[in-house]
Amino acid sequence: MPAAPTTWRTLGQWAGTGSRQTESFDVVSGALRLQWEVRGTTAGAGPFRVWLHSAISGRPLQVIVDHAGPGQGTAHVADDPRVSYLLIEADDMTWTATLDEALARP
């Protein structure tokens, strides 16, 4: 029997310069995809890191991205269903990020 097709539900889209904490979002399936891009870094800019945090306890759950300099990518993450948020560390960087969750189609 073939696997059920997957559809992606956007949990949030963010853009900015510098570090930021996102608003909380509800993770239902635990299968996440983060699409990110960093551009416009300055000399001496630190790494671009994206952390997944529990919105209930505030504790960090895992690092999703740890990248130096300009670039882009897609990171897939598995976690338990819970209310979460992202902490984006990006000193002196301009960035965009989109977080989607995989949901099986009925």
PDB file of N, CA and C in Angstrom:
ATOM      1  N   MET A   1       0.844  -1.174   0.000  1.00  0.00           N
ATOM      2  CA  MET A   1       0.000   0.000   0.000  1.00  0.00           C
ATOM      3  C   MET A   1       0.893   1.243   0.000  1.00  0.00           C
ATOM      4  N   PRO A   2       0.713   2.163  -0.942  1.00  0.00           N
ATOM      5  CA  PRO A   2       1.544   3.363  -1.005  1.00  0.00           C
ATOM      6  C   PRO A   2       1.275   4.277   0.194  1.00  0.00           C
ATOM      7  N   ALA A   3       2.283   5.051   0.558  1.00  0.00           N
ATOM      8  CA  ALA A   3       2.153   6.002   1.663  1.00  0.00           C
ATOM      9  C   ALA A   3       1.173   7.104   1.270  1.00  0.00           C
ATOM     10  N   ALA A   4       0.479   7.623   2.278  1.00  0.00           N
ATOM     11  CA  ALA A   4      -0.456   8.712   2.028  1.00  0.00           C
ATOM     12  C   ALA A   4       0.311   9.954   1.586  1.00  0.00           C
ATOM     13  N   PRO A   5      -0.214  10.688   0.593  1.00  0.00           N
ATOM     14  CA  PRO A   5       0.463  11.907   0.150  1.00  0.00           C
ATOM     15  C   PRO A   5       0.558  12.911   1.309  1.00  0.00           C
ATOM     16  N   THR A   6       1.582  13.719   1.271  1.00  0.00           N
ATOM     17  CA  THR A   6       1.793  14.716   2.318  1.00  0.00           C
ATOM     18  C   THR A   6       1.427  16.092   1.800  1.00  0.00           C
ATOM     19  N   THR A   7       0.802  16.871   2.641  1.00  0.00           N
ATOM     20  CA  THR A   7       0.555  18.272   2.351  1.00  0.00           C
ATOM     21  C   THR A   7       1.265  19.085   3.429  1.00  0.00           C
ATOM     22  N   TRP A   8       1.690  20.284   3.087  1.00  0.00           N
ATOM     23  CA  TRP A   8       2.418  21.130   4.031  1.00  0.00           C
ATOM     24  C   TRP A   8       1.534  22.283   4.476  1.00  0.00           C
ATOM     25  N   ARG A   9       1.480  22.491   5.782  1.00  0.00           N
ATOM     26  CA  ARG A   9       0.729  23.605   6.383  1.00  0.00           C
ATOM     27  C   ARG A   9       1.761  24.586   6.944  1.00  0.00           C
ATOM     28  N   THR A  10       1.670  25.854   6.533  1.00  0.00           N
ATOM     29  CA  THR A  10       2.613  26.867   7.002  1.00  0.00           C
ATOM     30  C   THR A  10       2.268  27.280   8.430  1.00  0.00           C
ATOM     31  N   LEU A  11       3.258  27.155   9.314  1.00  0.00           N
ATOM     32  CA  LEU A  11       3.089  27.567  10.714  1.00  0.00           C
ATOM     33  C   LEU A  11       3.509  29.013  10.925  1.00  0.00           C
ATOM     34  N   GLY A  12       4.409  29.501  10.068  1.00  0.00           N
ATOM     35  CA  GLY A  12       4.837  30.888  10.192  1.00  0.00           C
ATOM     36  C   GLY A  12       5.862  31.261   9.153  1.00  0.00           C
ATOM     37  N   GLN A  13       5.888  32.558   8.839  1.00  0.00           N
ATOM     38  CA  GLN A  13       6.878  33.134   7.931  1.00  0.00           C
ATOM     39  C   GLN A  13       7.428  34.360   8.629  1.00  0.00           C
ATOM     40  N   TRP A  14       8.760  34.464   8.650  1.00  0.00           N
ATOM     41  CA  TRP A  14       9.398  35.566   9.352  1.00  0.00           C
ATOM     42  C   TRP A  14      10.541  36.112   8.518  1.00  0.00           C
ATOM     43  N   ALA A  15      10.855  37.381   8.737  1.00  0.00           N
ATOM     44  CA  ALA A  15      11.982  38.033   8.075  1.00  0.00           C
ATOM     45  C   ALA A  15      12.493  39.106   9.013  1.00  0.00           C
ATOM     46  N   GLY A  16      13.788  39.375   8.912  1.00  0.00           N
ATOM     47  CA  GLY A  16      14.312  40.419   9.770  1.00  0.00           C
ATOM     48  C   GLY A  16      15.796  40.616   9.599  1.00  0.00           C
ATOM     49  N   THR A  17      16.303  41.518  10.398  1.00  0.00           N
ATOM     50  CA  THR A  17      17.729  41.766  10.507  1.00  0.00           C
ATOM     51  C   THR A  17      18.056  41.662  11.985  1.00  0.00           C
ATOM     52  N   GLY A  18      18.962  40.781  12.325  1.00  0.00           N
ATOM     53  CA  GLY A  18      19.288  40.568  13.727  1.00  0.00           C
ATOM     54  C   GLY A  18      18.474  39.435  14.324  1.00  0.00           C
ATOM     55  N   SER A  19      18.644  39.240  15.614  1.00  0.00           N
ATOM     56  CA  SER A  19      18.005  38.116  16.315  1.00  0.00           C
ATOM     57  C   SER A  19      16.534  38.394  16.612  1.00  0.00           C
ATOM     58  N   ARG A  20      15.790  37.297  16.805  1.00  0.00           N
ATOM     59  CA  ARG A  20      14.346  37.420  17.052  1.00  0.00           C
ATOM     60  C   ARG A  20      13.801  36.131  17.644  1.00  0.00           C
ATOM     61  N   GLN A  21      12.792  36.282  18.487  1.00  0.00           N
ATOM     62  CA  GLN A  21      11.995  35.149  18.960  1.00  0.00           C
ATOM     63  C   GLN A  21      10.649  35.248  18.270  1.00  0.00           C
ATOM     64  N   THR A  22      10.178  34.134  17.697  1.00  0.00           N
ATOM     65  CA  THR A  22       8.888  34.148  17.005  1.00  0.00           C
ATOM     66  C   THR A  22       7.744  33.980  18.003  1.00  0.00           C
ATOM     67  N   GLU A  23       6.546  34.179  17.518  1.00  0.00           N
ATOM     68  CA  GLU A  23       5.364  33.866  18.304  1.00  0.00           C
ATOM     69  C   GLU A  23       5.244  32.343  18.407  1.00  0.00           C
ATOM     70  N   SER A  24       4.445  31.878  19.340  1.00  0.00           N
ATOM     71  CA  SER A  24       4.236  30.439  19.522  1.00  0.00           C
ATOM     72  C   SER A  24       3.369  29.864  18.409  1.00  0.00           C
ATOM     73  N   PHE A  25       3.565  28.589  18.123  1.00  0.00           N
ATOM     74  CA  PHE A  25       2.750  27.869  17.145  1.00  0.00           C
ATOM     75  C   PHE A  25       2.516  26.459  17.665  1.00  0.00           C
ATOM     76  N   ASP A  26       1.433  25.851  17.218  1.00  0.00           N
ATOM     77  CA  ASP A  26       1.041  24.524  17.672  1.00  0.00           C
ATOM     78  C   ASP A  26       1.500  23.475  16.664  1.00  0.00           C
ATOM     79  N   VAL A  27       2.397  22.591  17.097  1.00  0.00           N
ATOM     80  CA  VAL A  27       2.886  21.506  16.244  1.00  0.00           C
ATOM     81  C   VAL A  27       2.006  20.281  16.500  1.00  0.00           C
ATOM     82  N   VAL A  28       1.358  19.774  15.453  1.00  0.00           N
ATOM     83  CA  VAL A  28       0.426  18.650  15.578  1.00  0.00           C
ATOM     84  C   VAL A  28       1.085  17.323  15.203  1.00  0.00           C
ATOM     85  N   SER A  29       1.780  17.294  14.074  1.00  0.00           N
ATOM     86  CA  SER A  29       2.343  16.025  13.585  1.00  0.00           C
ATOM     87  C   SER A  29       3.776  15.778  14.065  1.00  0.00           C
ATOM     88  N   GLY A  30       4.505  16.827  14.366  1.00  0.00           N
ATOM     89  CA  GLY A  30       5.895  16.689  14.770  1.00  0.00           C
ATOM     90  C   GLY A  30       6.877  16.656  13.616  1.00  0.00           C
ATOM     91  N   ALA A  31       6.387  16.670  12.366  1.00  0.00           N
ATOM     92  CA  ALA A  31       7.251  16.661  11.175  1.00  0.00           C
ATOM     93  C   ALA A  31       7.320  18.077  10.611  1.00  0.00           C
ATOM     94  N   LEU A  32       8.493  18.716  10.761  1.00  0.00           N
ATOM     95  CA  LEU A  32       8.643  20.118  10.389  1.00  0.00           C
ATOM     96  C   LEU A  32       9.674  20.294   9.283  1.00  0.00           C
ATOM     97  N   ARG A  33       9.492  21.375   8.520  1.00  0.00           N
ATOM     98  CA  ARG A  33      10.427  21.746   7.461  1.00  0.00           C
ATOM     99  C   ARG A  33      10.666  23.248   7.575  1.00  0.00           C
ATOM    100  N   LEU A  34      11.926  23.646   7.719  1.00  0.00           N
ATOM    101  CA  LEU A  34      12.293  25.062   7.787  1.00  0.00           C
ATOM    102  C   LEU A  34      13.067  25.422   6.530  1.00  0.00           C
ATOM    103  N   GLN A  35      12.527  26.374   5.762  1.00  0.00           N
ATOM    104  CA  GLN A  35      13.215  26.902   4.590  1.00  0.00           C
ATOM    105  C   GLN A  35      13.765  28.271   4.994  1.00  0.00           C
ATOM    106  N   TRP A  36      15.056  28.485   4.791  1.00  0.00           N
ATOM    107  CA  TRP A  36      15.685  29.701   5.279  1.00  0.00           C
ATOM    108  C   TRP A  36      16.649  30.273   4.250  1.00  0.00           C
ATOM    109  N   GLU A  37      16.916  31.578   4.388  1.00  0.00           N
ATOM    110  CA  GLU A  37      17.896  32.252   3.551  1.00  0.00           C
ATOM    111  C   GLU A  37      18.531  33.366   4.365  1.00  0.00           C
ATOM    112  N   VAL A  38      19.850  33.498   4.248  1.00  0.00           N
ATOM    113  CA  VAL A  38      20.603  34.571   4.894  1.00  0.00           C
ATOM    114  C   VAL A  38      21.317  35.347   3.804  1.00  0.00           C
ATOM    115  N   ARG A  39      21.215  36.664   3.854  1.00  0.00           N
ATOM    116  CA  ARG A  39      21.901  37.515   2.884  1.00  0.00           C
ATOM    117  C   ARG A  39      22.303  38.810   3.593  1.00  0.00           C
ATOM    118  N   GLY A  40      23.130  39.575   2.966  1.00  0.00           N
ATOM    119  CA  GLY A  40      23.480  40.891   3.505  1.00  0.00           C
ATOM    120  C   GLY A  40      24.226  40.855   4.820  1.00  0.00           C
ATOM    121  N   THR A  41      25.100  39.872   5.001  1.00  0.00           N
ATOM    122  CA  THR A  41      25.868  39.835   6.237  1.00  0.00           C
ATOM    123  C   THR A  41      26.979  40.873   6.177  1.00  0.00           C
ATOM    124  N   THR A  42      27.402  41.320   7.338  1.00  0.00           N
ATOM    125  CA  THR A  42      28.513  42.266   7.419  1.00  0.00           C
ATOM    126  C   THR A  42      29.748  41.542   7.911  1.00  0.00           C
ATOM    127  N   ALA A  43      30.890  42.161   7.734  1.00  0.00           N
ATOM    128  CA  ALA A  43      32.139  41.560   8.225  1.00  0.00           C
ATOM    129  C   ALA A  43      32.017  41.362   9.729  1.00  0.00           C
ATOM    130  N   GLY A  44      32.401  40.214  10.196  1.00  0.00           N
ATOM    131  CA  GLY A  44      32.324  39.935  11.629  1.00  0.00           C
ATOM    132  C   GLY A  44      30.966  39.453  12.096  1.00  0.00           C
ATOM    133  N   ALA A  45      30.029  39.247  11.164  1.00  0.00           N
ATOM    134  CA  ALA A  45      28.708  38.749  11.551  1.00  0.00           C
ATOM    135  C   ALA A  45      28.850  37.335  12.109  1.00  0.00           C
ATOM    136  N   GLY A  46      28.092  37.057  13.132  1.00  0.00           N
ATOM    137  CA  GLY A  46      28.148  35.735  13.764  1.00  0.00           C
ATOM    138  C   GLY A  46      27.396  34.697  12.955  1.00  0.00           C
ATOM    139  N   PRO A  47      27.306  33.491  13.464  1.00  0.00           N
ATOM    140  CA  PRO A  47      26.577  32.442  12.749  1.00  0.00           C
ATOM    141  C   PRO A  47      25.065  32.689  12.776  1.00  0.00           C
ATOM    142  N   PHE A  48      24.395  32.091  11.819  1.00  0.00           N
ATOM    143  CA  PHE A  48      22.932  32.087  11.772  1.00  0.00           C
ATOM    144  C   PHE A  48      22.483  30.790  12.417  1.00  0.00           C
ATOM    145  N   ARG A  49      21.764  30.892  13.531  1.00  0.00           N
ATOM    146  CA  ARG A  49      21.268  29.706  14.232  1.00  0.00           C
ATOM    147  C   ARG A  49      19.767  29.836  14.436  1.00  0.00           C
ATOM    148  N   VAL A  50      19.079  28.716  14.265  1.00  0.00           N
ATOM    149  CA  VAL A  50      17.646  28.653  14.543  1.00  0.00           C
ATOM    150  C   VAL A  50      17.421  27.517  15.526  1.00  0.00           C
ATOM    151  N   TRP A  51      16.849  27.861  16.671  1.00  0.00           N
ATOM    152  CA  TRP A  51      16.555  26.905  17.737  1.00  0.00           C
ATOM    153  C   TRP A  51      15.057  26.680  17.819  1.00  0.00           C
ATOM    154  N   LEU A  52      14.646  25.438  18.049  1.00  0.00           N
ATOM    155  CA  LEU A  52      13.256  25.105  18.363  1.00  0.00           C
ATOM    156  C   LEU A  52      13.147  25.027  19.883  1.00  0.00           C
ATOM    157  N   HIS A  53      12.204  25.776  20.453  1.00  0.00           N
ATOM    158  CA  HIS A  53      12.000  25.828  21.906  1.00  0.00           C
ATOM    159  C   HIS A  53      10.590  25.380  22.268  1.00  0.00           C
ATOM    160  N   SER A  54      10.430  24.830  23.453  1.00  0.00           N
ATOM    161  CA  SER A  54       9.108  24.551  24.008  1.00  0.00           C
ATOM    162  C   SER A  54       8.509  25.865  24.493  1.00  0.00           C
ATOM    163  N   ALA A  55       7.272  26.149  24.083  1.00  0.00           N
ATOM    164  CA  ALA A  55       6.612  27.377  24.531  1.00  0.00           C
ATOM    165  C   ALA A  55       6.078  27.235  25.954  1.00  0.00           C
ATOM    166  N   ILE A  56       5.968  26.019  26.459  1.00  0.00           N
ATOM    167  CA  ILE A  56       5.470  25.792  27.819  1.00  0.00           C
ATOM    168  C   ILE A  56       6.589  26.006  28.837  1.00  0.00           C
ATOM    169  N   SER A  57       7.718  25.329  28.653  1.00  0.00           N
ATOM    170  CA  SER A  57       8.821  25.429  29.619  1.00  0.00           C
ATOM    171  C   SER A  57       9.862  26.471  29.227  1.00  0.00           C
ATOM    172  N   GLY A  58       9.919  26.828  27.929  1.00  0.00           N
ATOM    173  CA  GLY A  58      10.932  27.750  27.442  1.00  0.00           C
ATOM    174  C   GLY A  58      12.266  27.087  27.140  1.00  0.00           C
ATOM    175  N   ARG A  59      12.365  25.792  27.401  1.00  0.00           N
ATOM    176  CA  ARG A  59      13.656  25.119  27.202  1.00  0.00           C
ATOM    177  C   ARG A  59      13.937  24.881  25.722  1.00  0.00           C
ATOM    178  N   PRO A  60      15.223  24.960  25.349  1.00  0.00           N
ATOM    179  CA  PRO A  60      15.579  24.647  23.961  1.00  0.00           C
ATOM    180  C   PRO A  60      15.416  23.154  23.708  1.00  0.00           C
ATOM    181  N   LEU A  61      14.841  22.806  22.560  1.00  0.00           N
ATOM    182  CA  LEU A  61      14.626  21.411  22.190  1.00  0.00           C
ATOM    183  C   LEU A  61      15.704  20.910  21.238  1.00  0.00           C
ATOM    184  N   GLN A  62      16.040  21.717  20.223  1.00  0.00           N
ATOM    185  CA  GLN A  62      17.084  21.330  19.279  1.00  0.00           C
ATOM    186  C   GLN A  62      17.458  22.505  18.387  1.00  0.00           C
ATOM    187  N   VAL A  63      18.684  22.441  17.859  1.00  0.00           N
ATOM    188  CA  VAL A  63      19.146  23.418  16.867  1.00  0.00           C
ATOM    189  C   VAL A  63      18.710  22.904  15.505  1.00  0.00           C
ATOM    190  N   ILE A  64      18.008  23.743  14.755  1.00  0.00           N
ATOM    191  CA  ILE A  64      17.537  23.360  13.423  1.00  0.00           C
ATOM    192  C   ILE A  64      18.557  23.763  12.360  1.00  0.00           C
ATOM    193  N   VAL A  65      19.142  24.966  12.508  1.00  0.00           N
ATOM    194  CA  VAL A  65      20.124  25.475  11.547  1.00  0.00           C
ATOM    195  C   VAL A  65      21.300  26.052  12.321  1.00  0.00           C
ATOM    196  N   ASP A  66      22.508  25.776  11.855  1.00  0.00           N
ATOM    197  CA  ASP A  66      23.724  26.387  12.383  1.00  0.00           C
ATOM    198  C   ASP A  66      24.619  26.624  11.168  1.00  0.00           C
ATOM    199  N   HIS A  67      24.614  27.879  10.659  1.00  0.00           N
ATOM    200  CA  HIS A  67      25.258  28.186   9.384  1.00  0.00           C
ATOM    201  C   HIS A  67      26.042  29.487   9.501  1.00  0.00           C
ATOM    202  N   ALA A  68      27.183  29.566   8.846  1.00  0.00           N
ATOM    203  CA  ALA A  68      27.994  30.785   8.832  1.00  0.00           C
ATOM    204  C   ALA A  68      27.914  31.447   7.462  1.00  0.00           C
ATOM    205  N   GLY A  69      27.706  32.762   7.446  1.00  0.00           N
ATOM    206  CA  GLY A  69      27.711  33.531   6.204  1.00  0.00           C
ATOM    207  C   GLY A  69      26.417  33.434   5.426  1.00  0.00           C
ATOM    208  N   PRO A  70      26.411  34.068   4.240  1.00  0.00           N
ATOM    209  CA  PRO A  70      25.215  34.020   3.397  1.00  0.00           C
ATOM    210  C   PRO A  70      24.941  32.595   2.924  1.00  0.00           C
ATOM    211  N   GLY A  71      23.687  32.312   2.638  1.00  0.00           N
ATOM    212  CA  GLY A  71      23.319  30.995   2.130  1.00  0.00           C
ATOM    213  C   GLY A  71      21.842  30.758   2.263  1.00  0.00           C
ATOM    214  N   GLN A  72      21.442  29.564   1.909  1.00  0.00           N
ATOM    215  CA  GLN A  72      20.041  29.170   2.017  1.00  0.00           C
ATOM    216  C   GLN A  72      19.968  27.667   2.150  1.00  0.00           C
ATOM    217  N   GLY A  73      18.837  27.186   2.606  1.00  0.00           N
ATOM    218  CA  GLY A  73      18.691  25.750   2.740  1.00  0.00           C
ATOM    219  C   GLY A  73      17.331  25.356   3.252  1.00  0.00           C
ATOM    220  N   THR A  74      17.154  24.057   3.366  1.00  0.00           N
ATOM    221  CA  THR A  74      15.935  23.475   3.912  1.00  0.00           C
ATOM    222  C   THR A  74      16.362  22.451   4.955  1.00  0.00           C
ATOM    223  N   ALA A  75      15.792  22.565   6.139  1.00  0.00           N
ATOM    224  CA  ALA A  75      16.095  21.635   7.225  1.00  0.00           C
ATOM    225  C   ALA A  75      14.811  20.920   7.619  1.00  0.00           C
ATOM    226  N   HIS A  76      14.883  19.600   7.748  1.00  0.00           N
ATOM    227  CA  HIS A  76      13.749  18.795   8.191  1.00  0.00           C
ATOM    228  C   HIS A  76      13.990  18.396   9.639  1.00  0.00           C
ATOM    229  N   VAL A  77      12.938  18.499  10.459  1.00  0.00           N
ATOM    230  CA  VAL A  77      13.051  18.280  11.894  1.00  0.00           C
ATOM    231  C   VAL A  77      11.910  17.392  12.349  1.00  0.00           C
ATOM    232  N   ALA A  78      12.207  16.477  13.252  1.00  0.00           N
ATOM    233  CA  ALA A  78      11.174  15.659  13.890  1.00  0.00           C
ATOM    234  C   ALA A  78      11.160  16.010  15.374  1.00  0.00           C
ATOM    235  N   ASP A  79       9.973  16.246  15.905  1.00  0.00           N
ATOM    236  CA  ASP A  79       9.820  16.556  17.317  1.00  0.00           C
ATOM    237  C   ASP A  79       8.440  16.080  17.760  1.00  0.00           C
ATOM    238  N   ASP A  80       8.229  16.050  19.063  1.00  0.00           N
ATOM    239  CA  ASP A  80       6.922  15.675  19.589  1.00  0.00           C
ATOM    240  C   ASP A  80       5.920  16.796  19.346  1.00  0.00           C
ATOM    241  N   PRO A  81       4.652  16.465  19.177  1.00  0.00           N
ATOM    242  CA  PRO A  81       3.627  17.506  19.086  1.00  0.00           C
ATOM    243  C   PRO A  81       3.618  18.326  20.381  1.00  0.00           C
ATOM    244  N   ARG A  82       3.619  19.638  20.225  1.00  0.00           N
ATOM    245  CA  ARG A  82       3.619  20.547  21.382  1.00  0.00           C
ATOM    246  C   ARG A  82       3.510  21.978  20.870  1.00  0.00           C
ATOM    247  N   VAL A  83       3.304  22.901  21.778  1.00  0.00           N
ATOM    248  CA  VAL A  83       3.341  24.324  21.451  1.00  0.00           C
ATOM    249  C   VAL A  83       4.807  24.742  21.522  1.00  0.00           C
ATOM    250  N   SER A  84       5.295  25.361  20.457  1.00  0.00           N
ATOM    251  CA  SER A  84       6.713  25.695  20.340  1.00  0.00           C
ATOM    252  C   SER A  84       6.884  27.111  19.816  1.00  0.00           C
ATOM    253  N   TYR A  85       8.135  27.549  19.778  1.00  0.00           N
ATOM    254  CA  TYR A  85       8.507  28.792  19.103  1.00  0.00           C
ATOM    255  C   TYR A  85       9.940  28.636  18.605  1.00  0.00           C
ATOM    256  N   LEU A  86      10.347  29.545  17.716  1.00  0.00           N
ATOM    257  CA  LEU A  86      11.716  29.553  17.218  1.00  0.00           C
ATOM    258  C   LEU A  86      12.475  30.714  17.840  1.00  0.00           C
ATOM    259  N   LEU A  87      13.737  30.484  18.150  1.00  0.00           N
ATOM    260  CA  LEU A  87      14.659  31.541  18.543  1.00  0.00           C
ATOM    261  C   LEU A  87      15.685  31.630  17.427  1.00  0.00           C
ATOM    262  N   ILE A  88      15.737  32.783  16.783  1.00  0.00           N
ATOM    263  CA  ILE A  88      16.619  32.994  15.640  1.00  0.00           C
ATOM    264  C   ILE A  88      17.756  33.898  16.079  1.00  0.00           C
ATOM    265  N   GLU A  89      18.985  33.396  15.988  1.00  0.00           N
ATOM    266  CA  GLU A  89      20.186  34.161  16.326  1.00  0.00           C
ATOM    267  C   GLU A  89      20.846  34.575  15.023  1.00  0.00           C
ATOM    268  N   ALA A  90      20.906  35.892  14.763  1.00  0.00           N
ATOM    269  CA  ALA A  90      21.410  36.369  13.475  1.00  0.00           C
ATOM    270  C   ALA A  90      21.953  37.790  13.619  1.00  0.00           C
ATOM    271  N   ASP A  91      23.005  37.952  14.393  1.00  0.00           N
ATOM    272  CA  ASP A  91      23.594  39.281  14.558  1.00  0.00           C
ATOM    273  C   ASP A  91      24.141  39.792  13.234  1.00  0.00           C
ATOM    274  N   ASP A  92      23.755  41.014  12.866  1.00  0.00           N
ATOM    275  CA  ASP A  92      24.238  41.684  11.649  1.00  0.00           C
ATOM    276  C   ASP A  92      23.935  40.899  10.374  1.00  0.00           C
ATOM    277  N   MET A  93      22.785  40.212  10.345  1.00  0.00           N
ATOM    278  CA  MET A  93      22.391  39.462   9.159  1.00  0.00           C
ATOM    279  C   MET A  93      20.937  39.781   8.805  1.00  0.00           C
ATOM    280  N   THR A  94      20.659  39.750   7.512  1.00  0.00           N
ATOM    281  CA  THR A  94      19.293  39.862   7.014  1.00  0.00           C
ATOM    282  C   THR A  94      18.866  38.460   6.605  1.00  0.00           C
ATOM    283  N   TRP A  95      17.694  38.038   7.037  1.00  0.00           N
ATOM    284  CA  TRP A  95      17.291  36.647   6.842  1.00  0.00           C
ATOM    285  C   TRP A  95      15.785  36.531   6.603  1.00  0.00           C
ATOM    286  N   THR A  96      15.377  35.388   6.055  1.00  0.00           N
ATOM    287  CA  THR A  96      13.970  34.995   5.950  1.00  0.00           C
ATOM    288  C   THR A  96      13.870  33.537   6.385  1.00  0.00           C
ATOM    289  N   ALA A  97      12.715  33.173   6.922  1.00  0.00           N
ATOM    290  CA  ALA A  97      12.483  31.790   7.344  1.00  0.00           C
ATOM    291  C   ALA A  97      11.004  31.461   7.222  1.00  0.00           C
ATOM    292  N   THR A  98      10.716  30.263   6.723  1.00  0.00           N
ATOM    293  CA  THR A  98       9.343  29.765   6.631  1.00  0.00           C
ATOM    294  C   THR A  98       9.313  28.376   7.256  1.00  0.00           C
ATOM    295  N   LEU A  99       8.415  28.185   8.212  1.00  0.00           N
ATOM    296  CA  LEU A  99       8.278  26.898   8.889  1.00  0.00           C
ATOM    297  C   LEU A  99       6.967  26.252   8.483  1.00  0.00           C
ATOM    298  N   ASP A 100       7.067  25.014   7.970  1.00  0.00           N
ATOM    299  CA  ASP A 100       5.897  24.247   7.544  1.00  0.00           C
ATOM    300  C   ASP A 100       5.832  22.957   8.335  1.00  0.00           C
ATOM    301  N   GLU A 101       4.617  22.407   8.436  1.00  0.00           N
ATOM    302  CA  GLU A 101       4.403  21.135   9.096  1.00  0.00           C
ATOM    303  C   GLU A 101       3.781  20.162   8.119  1.00  0.00           C
ATOM    304  N   ALA A 102       4.269  18.920   8.108  1.00  0.00           N
ATOM    305  CA  ALA A 102       3.733  17.886   7.216  1.00  0.00           C
ATOM    306  C   ALA A 102       2.473  17.304   7.819  1.00  0.00           C
ATOM    307  N   LEU A 103       1.434  17.223   7.011  1.00  0.00           N
ATOM    308  CA  LEU A 103       0.182  16.605   7.412  1.00  0.00           C
ATOM    309  C   LEU A 103      -0.219  15.598   6.345  1.00  0.00           C
ATOM    310  N   ALA A 104      -0.561  14.402   6.762  1.00  0.00           N
ATOM    311  CA  ALA A 104      -1.000  13.378   5.804  1.00  0.00           C
ATOM    312  C   ALA A 104      -2.391  13.722   5.320  1.00  0.00           C
ATOM    313  N   ARG A 105      -2.569  13.622   4.031  1.00  0.00           N
ATOM    314  CA  ARG A 105      -3.905  13.861   3.453  1.00  0.00           C
ATOM    315  C   ARG A 105      -4.768  12.623   3.699  1.00  0.00           C
ATOM    316  N   PRO A 106      -6.034  12.831   4.037  1.00  0.00           N
ATOM    317  CA  PRO A 106      -6.923  11.674   4.238  1.00  0.00           C
ATOM    318  C   PRO A 106      -7.203  10.927   2.962  1.00  0.00           C
TER     319      PRO A 106
END
